[in-house]
């Protein structure tokens, strides 16, 4: 009896995933979390109109999802003031990332990202054999000039840049991104991850033409729209690039319930405004809780706050472990110097009450 004959590339990869889910952590600790503040989900939930649309669509779940996502793409095109040919719907940004990397990156191809940026992107690049090149953050911000300079140095085919950034919550103005594009080398594509842009100040979204062949932008219904479990996101790019995804994407990957929910969510501007207001209040509350405990919080344009624990990465890890032990699920950056922080998602009043109760205890235990 023989084992499967894996590719050399697969045999070289570690059997790991970028994140350990909170459910797995709950099983390990034998109890549910009191406050789920680690995955940047929207604890404020989806639009009631989206819930109603999804409930109705469940009755049609015997049908495959419409493979071109026609209705949703039409509405997204109106929302983004582009043509439907500029829009691609996919299984969250993570699924879109995987397909984009598959389109562009083969063994040895150079890819540039920031050291400590979104690890799922790196997971896809290494999974297709790409060569990752990383540049450091500058003052807890992604550094477009350094990213594009490195891309020129290594002849990169793809550059990843998140604006606003995860895990630090910092951001650049859209005009800064546009100005930096002049230094993007010929033949290199910028992947601009805008998962959190609905929470950011006006002017953060880069004013870039959808037909610009140098860039593809990605957004999601997982954050501001409260539909992380539905796995639905979208990309905006030049029509030739968008069409190329048809060569490799999972054409029945989008289930019809998620598509119905996303369409209704997009049309409910009042609920989005409500969530944005709740997130702004929660950011202020988290900043206040941090200050009450002698800690600093980074200004944030997202639905989370990076809290500087005032020590090194090892101390921040102890704080995180002590919070988890007290039933508070949070995460933290992996790379120095960002790893001095813990990352706390915006939650409801009752969730942040638990944080306010447990953070002093966690800090005391970590210091001891």
Protein backbone atom coordinates (compact mmCIF):
# COMPACT_ATOMS: atom_id res chain seq x y z
CA UNK A 1 0.00 0.00 0.00
CA UNK A 2 1.45 3.38 -1.01
CA UNK A 3 0.83 6.98 0.03
CA UNK A 4 -0.24 9.73 -2.37
CA UNK A 5 2.60 11.19 -4.44
CA UNK A 6 2.59 14.84 -3.38
CA UNK A 7 4.36 17.48 -5.42
CA UNK A 8 7.80 18.55 -4.29
CA UNK A 9 6.37 21.97 -3.48
CA UNK A 10 3.64 20.57 -1.24
CA UNK A 11 6.14 18.33 0.52
CA UNK A 12 8.26 21.40 1.29
CA UNK A 13 5.42 23.33 2.95
CA UNK A 14 4.54 23.25 6.66
CA UNK A 15 1.15 21.77 7.56
CA UNK A 16 -0.06 24.99 9.15
CA UNK A 17 -2.75 27.60 8.60
CA UNK A 18 -2.34 31.35 9.20
CA UNK A 19 -4.81 31.54 12.09
CA UNK A 20 -6.08 29.29 14.86
CA UNK A 21 -9.84 29.83 15.01
CA UNK A 22 -11.55 30.88 18.25
CA UNK A 23 -13.65 27.71 18.19
CA UNK A 24 -10.49 25.60 18.34
CA UNK A 25 -9.23 27.70 21.23
CA UNK A 26 -12.55 27.24 23.01
CA UNK A 27 -12.28 23.47 22.64
CA UNK A 28 -8.75 23.56 24.00
CA UNK A 29 -9.73 25.63 27.04
CA UNK A 30 -12.98 23.73 27.59
CA UNK A 31 -15.16 26.82 27.78
CA UNK A 32 -16.59 29.46 25.44
CA UNK A 33 -15.12 32.95 25.32
CA UNK A 34 -16.94 35.64 27.25
CA UNK A 35 -15.93 38.25 24.66
CA UNK A 36 -14.94 37.43 21.06
CA UNK A 37 -12.68 40.36 20.18
CA UNK A 38 -9.95 38.78 18.08
CA UNK A 39 -11.09 38.19 14.49
CA UNK A 40 -12.33 41.68 13.55
CA UNK A 41 -15.82 40.38 12.88
CA UNK A 42 -18.72 42.80 13.27
CA UNK A 43 -20.29 42.04 16.61
CA UNK A 44 -23.03 44.48 15.56
CA UNK A 45 -24.27 41.95 13.04
CA UNK A 46 -25.52 42.18 9.47
CA UNK A 47 -28.30 44.37 8.17
CA UNK A 48 -31.74 43.07 9.18
CA UNK A 49 -32.63 43.36 5.49
CA UNK A 50 -29.70 41.08 4.65
CA UNK A 51 -30.82 38.55 7.25
CA UNK A 52 -34.35 38.58 5.83
CA UNK A 53 -33.04 38.14 2.28
CA UNK A 54 -30.84 35.22 3.31
CA UNK A 55 -33.67 33.54 5.21
CA UNK A 56 -35.89 33.77 2.15
CA UNK A 57 -33.16 32.46 -0.14
CA UNK A 58 -32.64 29.36 2.00
CA UNK A 59 -35.81 27.97 0.41
CA UNK A 60 -33.99 28.10 -2.93
CA UNK A 61 -30.81 26.48 -1.65
CA UNK A 62 -31.49 23.40 -3.78
CA UNK A 63 -30.30 25.50 -6.73
CA UNK A 64 -26.67 26.24 -7.52
CA UNK A 65 -25.62 29.84 -6.98
CA UNK A 66 -25.68 32.00 -10.11
CA UNK A 67 -22.05 31.59 -11.30
CA UNK A 68 -21.63 35.10 -12.71
CA UNK A 69 -23.17 36.80 -9.62
CA UNK A 70 -24.98 38.99 -12.16
CA UNK A 71 -27.35 40.92 -9.87
CA UNK A 72 -24.72 41.57 -7.22
CA UNK A 73 -22.14 42.66 -9.79
CA UNK A 74 -24.62 45.10 -11.31
CA UNK A 75 -25.29 46.64 -7.90
CA UNK A 76 -21.60 46.72 -6.98
CA UNK A 77 -20.85 48.47 -10.26
CA UNK A 78 -23.41 51.16 -9.41
CA UNK A 79 -22.03 51.40 -5.88
CA UNK A 80 -18.42 51.79 -7.07
CA UNK A 81 -19.32 53.89 -10.15
CA UNK A 82 -17.65 51.43 -12.51
CA UNK A 83 -18.81 48.95 -15.14
CA UNK A 84 -19.86 45.40 -14.25
CA UNK A 85 -16.87 44.23 -16.31
CA UNK A 86 -14.67 45.79 -13.64
CA UNK A 87 -16.18 43.67 -10.84
CA UNK A 88 -15.41 40.13 -9.69
CA UNK A 89 -17.24 38.43 -6.82
CA UNK A 90 -15.44 35.75 -4.85
CA UNK A 91 -15.26 33.72 -1.65
CA UNK A 92 -14.15 36.59 0.56
CA UNK A 93 -10.89 38.43 0.04
CA UNK A 94 -9.03 35.26 1.07
CA UNK A 95 -10.49 33.34 -1.86
CA UNK A 96 -9.79 36.21 -4.24
CA UNK A 97 -6.20 36.39 -2.98
CA UNK A 98 -5.68 32.71 -3.69
CA UNK A 99 -6.99 33.00 -7.23
CA UNK A 100 -4.97 36.14 -7.97
CA UNK A 101 -1.77 34.49 -6.80
CA UNK A 102 -2.61 31.41 -8.86
CA UNK A 103 -3.02 33.63 -11.93
CA UNK A 104 0.28 35.44 -11.56
CA UNK A 105 2.75 33.53 -9.43
CA UNK A 106 4.72 30.41 -10.26
CA UNK A 107 7.73 28.83 -8.53
CA UNK A 108 10.40 31.43 -7.88
CA UNK A 109 8.38 34.49 -8.92
CA UNK A 110 9.08 37.49 -6.72
CA UNK A 111 6.30 38.97 -4.55
CA UNK A 112 6.66 41.93 -2.17
CA UNK A 113 4.77 42.59 1.05
CA UNK A 114 5.35 44.19 4.44
CA UNK A 115 6.95 42.17 7.21
CA UNK A 116 4.07 41.40 9.56
CA UNK A 117 1.24 42.19 7.14
CA UNK A 118 -1.72 39.90 6.44
CA UNK A 119 -0.34 36.33 6.73
CA UNK A 120 -3.02 34.69 4.58
CA UNK A 121 -1.58 36.47 1.54
CA UNK A 122 1.83 34.98 2.33
CA UNK A 123 0.19 31.56 2.75
CA UNK A 124 -1.11 31.69 -0.81
CA UNK A 125 2.19 32.94 -2.25
CA UNK A 126 4.22 30.15 -0.66
CA UNK A 127 1.53 27.65 -1.64
CA UNK A 128 2.21 28.42 -5.31
CA UNK A 129 5.98 28.55 -4.87
CA UNK A 130 6.43 32.31 -4.99
CA UNK A 131 9.42 34.03 -3.40
CA UNK A 132 8.33 36.49 -0.70
CA UNK A 133 10.35 39.66 -0.20
CA UNK A 134 9.44 41.81 2.80
CA UNK A 135 10.03 45.39 3.88
CA UNK A 136 9.54 46.77 7.40
CA UNK A 137 6.73 49.02 8.50
CA UNK A 138 7.60 52.68 9.01
CA UNK A 139 6.20 54.12 12.25
CA UNK A 140 3.56 51.36 12.39
CA UNK A 141 2.40 52.21 8.85
CA UNK A 142 2.83 50.29 5.64
CA UNK A 143 5.53 51.99 3.54
CA UNK A 144 4.46 52.29 -0.12
CA UNK A 145 7.77 53.81 -1.23
CA UNK A 146 9.75 50.97 0.32
CA UNK A 147 7.37 48.36 -1.09
CA UNK A 148 7.63 49.69 -4.63
CA UNK A 149 11.38 50.18 -4.31
CA UNK A 150 11.80 46.55 -3.27
CA UNK A 151 9.54 45.47 -6.14
CA UNK A 152 11.87 47.21 -8.59
CA UNK A 153 14.93 45.67 -6.93
CA UNK A 154 13.64 42.07 -7.15
CA UNK A 155 11.60 42.41 -10.37
CA UNK A 156 8.39 41.54 -8.50
CA UNK A 157 5.24 40.53 -10.33
CA UNK A 158 2.93 41.41 -7.42
CA UNK A 159 2.94 43.80 -4.44
CA UNK A 160 0.53 43.57 -1.49
CA UNK A 161 -0.54 46.74 0.32
CA UNK A 162 -3.44 47.08 2.77
CA UNK A 163 -5.01 50.49 3.32
CA UNK A 164 -6.18 50.72 6.09
CA UNK A 165 -3.68 48.26 7.50
CA UNK A 166 -4.20 45.04 9.41
CA UNK A 167 -2.86 44.42 12.09
CA UNK A 168 -2.01 47.99 13.11
CA UNK A 169 -5.14 49.86 12.00
CA UNK A 170 -3.10 52.71 10.50
CA UNK A 171 -3.78 54.26 7.12
CA UNK A 172 -2.56 56.50 4.32
CA UNK A 173 -4.58 59.00 2.35
CA UNK A 174 -5.72 57.79 -1.03
CA UNK A 175 -3.70 60.55 -2.66
CA UNK A 176 -0.54 59.15 -1.03
CA UNK A 177 -1.21 55.77 -2.65
CA UNK A 178 -1.85 57.39 -6.04
CA UNK A 179 1.35 59.43 -5.87
CA UNK A 180 3.40 56.36 -4.93
CA UNK A 181 2.07 54.47 -7.97
CA UNK A 182 4.47 56.43 -10.16
CA UNK A 183 7.26 54.31 -8.63
CA UNK A 184 5.57 50.95 -9.23
CA UNK A 185 7.80 49.13 -11.72
CA UNK A 186 6.57 48.20 -15.17
CA UNK A 187 4.88 44.81 -15.28
CA UNK A 188 4.17 44.71 -11.55
CA UNK A 189 0.61 44.60 -10.22
CA UNK A 190 -0.42 46.33 -6.99
CA UNK A 191 -2.92 44.39 -4.92
CA UNK A 192 -4.63 47.00 -2.75
CA UNK A 193 -6.54 45.37 0.11
CA UNK A 194 -9.33 47.72 1.22
CA UNK A 195 -11.13 45.33 3.59
CA UNK A 196 -11.52 48.04 6.25
CA UNK A 197 -12.02 51.11 4.09
CA UNK A 198 -15.67 51.60 5.14
CA UNK A 199 -14.40 52.50 8.64
CA UNK A 200 -11.73 54.94 7.45
CA UNK A 201 -11.81 58.73 7.19
CA UNK A 202 -13.02 60.29 3.96
CA UNK A 203 -10.20 60.40 1.43
CA UNK A 204 -8.65 57.07 2.45
CA UNK A 205 -9.95 55.19 -0.59
CA UNK A 206 -7.49 55.76 -3.41
CA UNK A 207 -9.07 57.66 -6.35
CA UNK A 208 -7.82 55.23 -9.00
CA UNK A 209 -9.54 54.45 -12.29
CA UNK A 210 -10.98 50.94 -12.34
CA UNK A 211 -9.40 50.38 -15.77
CA UNK A 212 -5.89 51.16 -14.53
CA UNK A 213 -3.97 47.95 -15.38
CA UNK A 214 -1.44 48.53 -12.58
CA UNK A 215 -3.82 47.80 -9.73
CA UNK A 216 -6.52 45.48 -8.43
CA UNK A 217 -8.53 46.49 -5.37
CA UNK A 218 -10.29 44.08 -3.04
CA UNK A 219 -13.15 44.69 -0.63
CA UNK A 220 -15.34 42.49 1.52
CA UNK A 221 -18.72 41.99 3.15
CA UNK A 222 -17.00 40.39 6.17
CA UNK A 223 -16.27 43.57 8.13
CA UNK A 224 -18.56 46.60 7.95
CA UNK A 225 -21.41 44.55 6.48
CA UNK A 226 -21.21 41.89 9.21
CA UNK A 227 -21.20 38.82 6.95
CA UNK A 228 -17.85 37.15 7.70
CA UNK A 229 -19.41 33.70 7.83
CA UNK A 230 -20.99 34.12 4.40
CA UNK A 231 -17.55 34.33 2.73
CA UNK A 232 -18.19 36.95 0.09
CA UNK A 233 -15.96 39.70 -1.22
CA UNK A 234 -15.22 41.46 -4.48
CA UNK A 235 -12.41 42.83 -6.61
CA UNK A 236 -12.29 45.93 -8.79
CA UNK A 237 -9.88 45.91 -11.71
CA UNK A 238 -9.32 46.28 -15.43
CA UNK A 239 -11.67 44.10 -17.52
CA UNK A 240 -8.87 41.97 -19.00
CA UNK A 241 -7.63 41.06 -15.53
CA UNK A 242 -11.13 40.43 -14.19
CA UNK A 243 -11.93 38.15 -17.15
CA UNK A 244 -8.75 36.17 -16.59
CA UNK A 245 -10.14 34.87 -13.28
CA UNK A 246 -12.66 32.85 -15.31
CA UNK A 247 -9.78 30.61 -16.38
CA UNK A 248 -9.19 29.27 -12.88
CA UNK A 249 -11.91 30.31 -10.42
CA UNK A 250 -14.46 27.97 -8.84
CA UNK A 251 -17.48 28.96 -10.93
CA UNK A 252 -20.02 27.60 -8.44
CA UNK A 253 -18.05 28.80 -5.42
CA UNK A 254 -20.53 31.50 -4.41
CA UNK A 255 -23.61 30.13 -2.71
CA UNK A 256 -26.90 31.84 -3.49
CA UNK A 257 -27.73 32.66 0.14
CA UNK A 258 -24.55 34.71 0.53
CA UNK A 259 -25.19 36.51 -2.77
CA UNK A 260 -28.73 37.43 -1.72
CA UNK A 261 -27.50 38.70 1.64
CA UNK A 262 -24.72 40.77 0.13
CA UNK A 263 -27.09 42.39 -2.36
CA UNK A 264 -29.51 43.39 0.41
CA UNK A 265 -26.68 44.57 2.66
CA UNK A 266 -25.25 46.78 -0.06
CA UNK A 267 -28.64 48.45 -0.51
CA UNK A 268 -29.07 49.18 3.22
CA UNK A 269 -26.99 52.33 3.63
CA UNK A 270 -28.67 53.19 6.94
CA UNK A 271 -27.43 50.00 8.58
CA UNK A 272 -23.90 50.62 7.35
CA UNK A 273 -24.01 54.10 8.88
CA UNK A 274 -25.27 52.61 12.14
CA UNK A 275 -22.39 50.13 12.26
CA UNK A 276 -19.83 52.82 11.45
CA UNK A 277 -21.13 54.89 14.36
CA UNK A 278 -21.03 51.92 16.74
CA UNK A 279 -17.47 51.10 15.68
CA UNK A 280 -16.33 54.68 16.24
CA UNK A 281 -17.79 54.59 19.75
CA UNK A 282 -16.14 51.24 20.44
CA UNK A 283 -12.75 52.49 19.24
CA UNK A 284 -13.01 55.37 21.69
CA UNK A 285 -14.02 52.98 24.49
CA UNK A 286 -11.10 50.62 23.82
CA UNK A 287 -8.73 53.60 23.74
CA UNK A 288 -10.16 54.73 27.09
CA UNK A 289 -9.84 51.27 28.65
CA UNK A 290 -6.23 51.13 27.51
CA UNK A 291 -5.52 54.57 28.99
CA UNK A 292 -7.15 53.58 32.28
CA UNK A 293 -4.55 50.83 32.49
CA UNK A 294 -1.59 53.01 31.55
CA UNK A 295 -1.42 51.75 27.96
CA UNK A 296 -1.42 53.60 24.66
CA UNK A 297 -3.67 52.88 21.69
CA UNK A 298 -2.75 53.53 18.08
CA UNK A 299 -5.17 55.71 16.10
CA UNK A 300 -7.30 53.36 14.01
CA UNK A 301 -9.20 53.54 10.72
CA UNK A 302 -10.58 50.02 11.14
CA UNK A 303 -12.95 48.08 13.39
CA UNK A 304 -10.14 47.18 15.79
CA UNK A 305 -7.56 48.98 17.89
CA UNK A 306 -3.91 48.04 18.33
CA UNK A 307 -3.03 48.58 21.99
CA UNK A 308 0.62 49.08 22.89
CA UNK A 309 1.29 46.97 25.98
CA UNK A 310 4.37 49.02 26.84
CA UNK A 311 6.91 46.22 26.60
CA UNK A 312 8.29 43.77 24.08
CA UNK A 313 6.57 41.04 22.09
CA UNK A 314 7.04 38.47 24.85
CA UNK A 315 5.24 40.69 27.35
CA UNK A 316 2.38 41.37 24.92
CA UNK A 317 2.06 37.61 24.37
CA UNK A 318 1.72 37.08 28.11
CA UNK A 319 -0.99 39.75 28.26
CA UNK A 320 -2.80 38.01 25.41
CA UNK A 321 -2.52 34.61 27.11
CA UNK A 322 -3.86 36.02 30.36
CA UNK A 323 -6.81 37.62 28.58
CA UNK A 324 -7.58 34.33 26.82
CA UNK A 325 -7.41 32.54 30.18
CA UNK A 326 -10.06 34.98 31.43
CA UNK A 327 -12.35 34.33 28.46
CA UNK A 328 -11.39 37.23 26.18
CA UNK A 329 -10.38 36.25 22.63
CA UNK A 330 -7.87 38.72 21.16
CA UNK A 331 -4.97 38.46 18.72
CA UNK A 332 -1.67 40.26 18.21
CA UNK A 333 0.86 41.11 15.49
CA UNK A 334 3.61 38.54 14.93
CA UNK A 335 6.61 40.68 13.95
CA UNK A 336 8.81 43.09 15.93
CA UNK A 337 8.24 45.96 16.69
CA UNK A 338 4.50 45.65 16.00
CA UNK A 339 4.34 42.59 18.28
CA UNK A 340 4.50 44.87 21.33
CA UNK A 341 0.77 45.37 20.73
CA UNK A 342 -2.38 43.34 21.14
CA UNK A 343 -5.19 43.81 18.62
CA UNK A 344 -8.69 44.24 20.02
CA UNK A 345 -11.77 44.15 17.80
CA UNK A 346 -14.56 46.66 18.32
CA UNK A 347 -17.40 45.12 20.28
CA UNK A 348 -20.69 45.89 21.93
CA UNK A 349 -20.95 47.55 25.32
CA UNK A 350 -21.21 44.19 27.08
CA UNK A 351 -18.13 42.85 25.29
CA UNK A 352 -16.04 45.86 26.22
CA UNK A 353 -17.29 45.67 29.80
CA UNK A 354 -15.65 42.25 29.97
CA UNK A 355 -12.45 43.71 28.52
CA UNK A 356 -12.48 46.52 31.10
CA UNK A 357 -12.91 43.93 33.87
CA UNK A 358 -10.21 41.53 32.72
CA UNK A 359 -7.45 43.74 31.29
CA UNK A 360 -6.18 44.96 34.70
CA UNK A 361 -6.06 41.36 35.90
CA UNK A 362 -4.27 40.20 32.76
CA UNK A 363 -1.68 42.96 32.99
CA UNK A 364 -1.00 42.22 36.65
CA UNK A 365 -0.57 38.51 35.92
CA UNK A 366 1.68 39.20 32.91
CA UNK A 367 3.92 41.48 34.99
CA UNK A 368 4.24 38.94 37.77
